[in-house]
Amino acid sequence: MQIHSHNYRVPEPFQNKIVVLIGSSASAVDISREIASITNEVHIASWSNSIEESETLPGYDNVWLRPMIESTNEDRTISFPHGFKISADIILHCTGPNASKRGSPFDLWSLAPWLSFIGLPWKFELQCEWIAGILSGRISLPSQNEMWKDVEAFYDSLQASGVPIRYTHNITGYQFEYNDWLATQCGAPKTEEQRKKKLSHDFFEQKSSP
């Protein structure tokens, strides 16, 4: 059986199952840890995991970090690099939306210009303040043409740098630059350098020892 994280609700259907979870971002992190206590095995397959060796997730003895799968087979097994195979009950795709193209951020805006999407919690306060400023007229947007030119230039820079389409919205490398831009727009203070160092340290600690 294959499902997408969009359809995930509760961990109970995964009880005593062997699950291959594809992806390693927010939904994969949350779901893998939630189902780990009742599944037999969870195998997290991701492009970011080492292709040379597999290891258990720190703090869990039944969750393995695997490289991306190579194939699914007619005998219902799943193949990984170096000949490793498992027989899985469920493949759970934690891959976000369709990433076949970078897409236009104005597609939804043209349909519902009053609708806003808030990002992950560690930056949501500034995002909320910025959106409130836009809606109240306190902050002015450039023209749609100017914004689209900026988007195209950004997409071109990603392509020139070899960034895969699936990482279009990954802002890990310039998270603080983005936060500081929001703060400037809202008239709020930027993040102090000492706090940036602390947040960066905590982020990598969480990745290595969740």
Protein backbone atom coordinates (compact mmCIF):
# COMPACT_ATOMS: atom_id res chain seq x y z
CA MET A 1 0.00 0.00 0.00
CA GLN A 2 1.19 3.51 -0.80
CA ILE A 3 -0.12 6.72 0.73
CA HIS A 4 0.93 10.37 0.88
CA SER A 5 1.55 12.26 4.09
CA HIS A 6 -1.30 14.56 3.05
CA ASN A 7 -3.64 11.69 3.92
CA TYR A 8 -1.94 10.74 7.20
CA ARG A 9 -4.10 11.25 10.28
CA VAL A 10 -3.26 8.87 13.14
CA PRO A 11 -0.54 6.24 13.75
CA GLU A 12 -2.82 3.28 14.56
CA PRO A 13 -3.09 1.92 10.97
CA PHE A 14 0.69 1.42 11.02
CA GLN A 15 0.72 -0.87 14.04
CA ASN A 16 3.06 -3.86 13.63
CA LYS A 17 3.84 -2.82 10.05
CA ILE A 18 7.11 -2.37 8.19
CA VAL A 19 7.02 1.15 6.75
CA VAL A 20 9.25 2.79 4.16
CA LEU A 21 8.97 6.53 4.53
CA ILE A 22 10.23 8.60 1.58
CA GLY A 23 11.51 12.06 2.43
CA SER A 24 13.35 13.73 5.29
CA SER A 25 11.74 17.13 5.85
CA ALA A 26 9.13 18.34 8.33
CA SER A 27 6.34 15.82 7.68
CA ALA A 28 8.81 12.92 7.56
CA VAL A 29 10.39 13.99 10.85
CA ASP A 30 7.02 14.26 12.61
CA ILE A 31 5.38 11.12 11.22
CA SER A 32 8.39 8.81 11.58
CA ARG A 33 8.65 9.60 15.26
CA GLU A 34 4.93 9.31 15.85
CA ILE A 35 4.59 5.86 14.27
CA ALA A 36 7.88 4.48 15.59
CA SER A 37 6.36 3.38 18.89
CA ILE A 38 3.84 1.01 17.25
CA THR A 39 5.49 -0.11 14.01
CA ASN A 40 7.86 -3.02 13.67
CA GLU A 41 10.27 -1.05 11.49
CA VAL A 42 10.50 2.40 9.88
CA HIS A 43 12.97 2.96 7.05
CA ILE A 44 13.47 6.63 6.12
CA ALA A 45 14.66 6.83 2.50
CA SER A 46 16.09 10.18 1.46
CA TRP A 47 18.52 11.69 -1.03
CA SER A 48 20.21 13.39 1.93
CA ASN A 49 21.04 10.11 3.71
CA SER A 50 24.41 8.50 3.13
CA ILE A 51 24.54 6.05 0.24
CA GLU A 52 27.47 4.23 1.82
CA GLU A 53 25.89 3.07 5.05
CA SER A 54 22.61 2.95 6.91
CA GLU A 55 22.20 3.76 10.58
CA THR A 56 19.47 3.90 13.15
CA LEU A 57 17.93 7.23 14.05
CA PRO A 58 19.44 8.43 17.35
CA GLY A 59 17.10 7.51 20.19
CA TYR A 60 15.26 4.80 18.22
CA ASP A 61 16.16 1.15 17.69
CA ASN A 62 13.59 0.45 14.95
CA VAL A 63 14.02 3.54 12.72
CA TRP A 64 16.71 3.38 10.03
CA LEU A 65 18.10 6.15 7.85
CA ARG A 66 18.49 4.77 4.33
CA PRO A 67 19.60 6.23 0.99
CA MET A 68 16.87 6.76 -1.58
CA ILE A 69 15.27 3.56 -2.86
CA GLU A 70 16.39 2.21 -6.22
CA SER A 71 13.24 0.32 -7.19
CA THR A 72 10.08 -1.43 -6.13
CA ASN A 73 9.89 -5.03 -7.29
CA GLU A 74 7.21 -7.46 -8.44
CA ASP A 75 7.76 -9.61 -5.36
CA ARG A 76 6.71 -6.57 -3.25
CA THR A 77 10.23 -5.95 -2.01
CA ILE A 78 11.97 -2.59 -2.13
CA SER A 79 15.56 -2.31 -3.30
CA PHE A 80 18.14 0.08 -1.88
CA PRO A 81 21.76 0.66 -3.01
CA HIS A 82 24.33 -2.12 -2.47
CA GLY A 83 21.76 -4.88 -2.92
CA PHE A 84 19.85 -4.31 0.31
CA LYS A 85 16.14 -5.24 0.13
CA ILE A 86 13.20 -5.21 2.50
CA SER A 87 9.61 -6.40 2.25
CA ALA A 88 7.46 -3.43 3.29
CA ASP A 89 3.78 -3.25 4.15
CA ILE A 90 3.40 0.48 3.49
CA ILE A 91 5.25 3.12 1.47
CA LEU A 92 4.55 6.53 2.94
CA HIS A 93 5.46 9.48 0.71
CA CYS A 94 6.47 12.57 2.70
CA THR A 95 7.47 14.47 -0.40
CA GLY A 96 5.38 17.65 -0.26
CA PRO A 97 3.47 18.87 -3.31
CA ASN A 98 4.18 17.85 -6.90
CA ALA A 99 7.72 19.01 -7.62
CA SER A 100 7.83 18.53 -11.39
CA LYS A 101 8.26 22.27 -11.88
CA ARG A 102 9.08 25.27 -9.75
CA GLY A 103 5.69 26.84 -10.50
CA SER A 104 4.32 30.34 -10.21
CA PRO A 105 3.65 31.71 -6.72
CA PHE A 106 0.94 33.85 -8.31
CA ASP A 107 -1.28 30.96 -9.43
CA LEU A 108 -3.25 30.96 -6.16
CA TRP A 109 -2.93 34.70 -5.70
CA SER A 110 -4.82 35.29 -8.95
CA LEU A 111 -7.67 33.13 -7.62
CA ALA A 112 -7.70 34.33 -4.01
CA PRO A 113 -5.56 37.45 -3.41
CA TRP A 114 -6.87 37.66 0.18
CA LEU A 115 -5.56 34.18 1.05
CA SER A 116 -2.18 33.90 2.80
CA PHE A 117 -0.05 30.89 3.78
CA ILE A 118 2.01 31.01 6.96
CA GLY A 119 5.24 29.01 7.06
CA LEU A 120 6.72 26.82 9.77
CA PRO A 121 6.37 28.07 13.38
CA TRP A 122 9.91 29.35 13.91
CA LYS A 123 9.23 32.33 11.64
CA PHE A 124 5.45 32.65 11.74
CA GLU A 125 5.23 35.74 13.99
CA LEU A 126 7.13 37.94 11.53
CA GLN A 127 5.18 36.46 8.62
CA CYS A 128 1.88 37.23 10.36
CA GLU A 129 2.99 40.77 11.09
CA TRP A 130 4.11 41.28 7.49
CA ILE A 131 0.83 39.94 6.09
CA ALA A 132 -1.15 42.15 8.48
CA GLY A 133 0.89 45.10 7.23
CA ILE A 134 0.06 44.25 3.61
CA LEU A 135 -3.66 43.83 4.32
CA SER A 136 -3.83 47.08 6.30
CA GLY A 137 -1.95 49.04 3.65
CA ARG A 138 0.92 49.86 6.02
CA ILE A 139 3.33 47.86 3.84
CA SER A 140 3.20 48.24 0.07
CA LEU A 141 3.96 45.48 -2.42
CA PRO A 142 5.82 46.05 -5.67
CA SER A 143 3.82 45.51 -8.85
CA GLN A 144 3.05 41.91 -9.79
CA ASN A 145 5.33 42.32 -12.80
CA GLU A 146 8.25 43.40 -10.58
CA MET A 147 7.64 40.55 -8.17
CA TRP A 148 7.49 38.02 -10.99
CA LYS A 149 10.82 39.29 -12.35
CA ASP A 150 12.33 38.73 -8.89
CA VAL A 151 10.88 35.21 -8.78
CA GLU A 152 12.27 34.39 -12.24
CA ALA A 153 15.70 35.71 -11.26
CA PHE A 154 15.59 33.58 -8.10
CA TYR A 155 14.59 30.45 -10.04
CA ASP A 156 17.34 31.12 -12.57
CA SER A 157 19.88 31.37 -9.76
CA LEU A 158 18.71 28.02 -8.34
CA GLN A 159 19.01 26.36 -11.73
CA ALA A 160 22.45 27.85 -12.32
CA SER A 161 23.56 26.53 -8.92
CA GLY A 162 22.23 23.05 -9.70
CA VAL A 163 19.57 23.12 -6.94
CA PRO A 164 17.00 20.37 -7.65
CA ILE A 165 13.38 21.42 -8.16
CA ARG A 166 12.38 19.54 -5.02
CA TYR A 167 14.51 21.96 -2.95
CA THR A 168 13.00 25.14 -4.40
CA HIS A 169 11.39 26.09 -1.09
CA ASN A 170 14.24 25.00 1.17
CA ILE A 171 15.52 28.20 2.75
CA THR A 172 17.88 26.62 5.29
CA GLY A 173 20.88 28.39 3.77
CA TYR A 174 19.37 31.85 4.02
CA GLN A 175 16.83 31.51 6.84
CA PHE A 176 18.26 34.41 8.85
CA GLU A 177 18.57 36.63 5.79
CA TYR A 178 14.86 36.01 5.15
CA ASN A 179 13.97 36.70 8.79
CA ASP A 180 15.95 39.94 8.76
CA TRP A 181 14.21 41.02 5.55
CA LEU A 182 10.81 40.42 7.18
CA ALA A 183 11.91 42.32 10.28
CA THR A 184 13.04 45.30 8.22
CA GLN A 185 9.75 45.34 6.32
CA CYS A 186 7.82 45.29 9.60
CA GLY A 187 9.98 47.83 11.38
CA ALA A 188 11.08 45.19 13.89
CA PRO A 189 14.63 44.55 15.16
CA LYS A 190 16.72 41.97 13.32
CA THR A 191 17.84 38.76 15.01
CA GLU A 192 20.93 39.31 17.16
CA GLU A 193 24.09 37.58 15.92
CA GLN A 194 24.47 35.65 19.19
CA ARG A 195 20.92 34.35 18.87
CA LYS A 196 21.57 33.30 15.26
CA LYS A 197 24.55 31.24 16.42
CA LYS A 198 22.49 29.64 19.19
CA LEU A 199 19.61 28.79 16.82
CA SER A 200 22.01 27.34 14.25
CA HIS A 201 23.67 25.20 16.92
CA ASP A 202 20.30 23.97 18.22
CA PHE A 203 19.13 23.16 14.68
CA PHE A 204 22.12 20.92 13.93
CA GLU A 205 21.91 19.34 17.38
CA GLN A 206 18.28 18.44 16.69
CA LYS A 207 19.21 16.94 13.31
CA SER A 208 21.90 14.75 14.84
CA SER A 209 20.12 13.85 18.10
CA PRO A 210 16.34 14.34 17.73
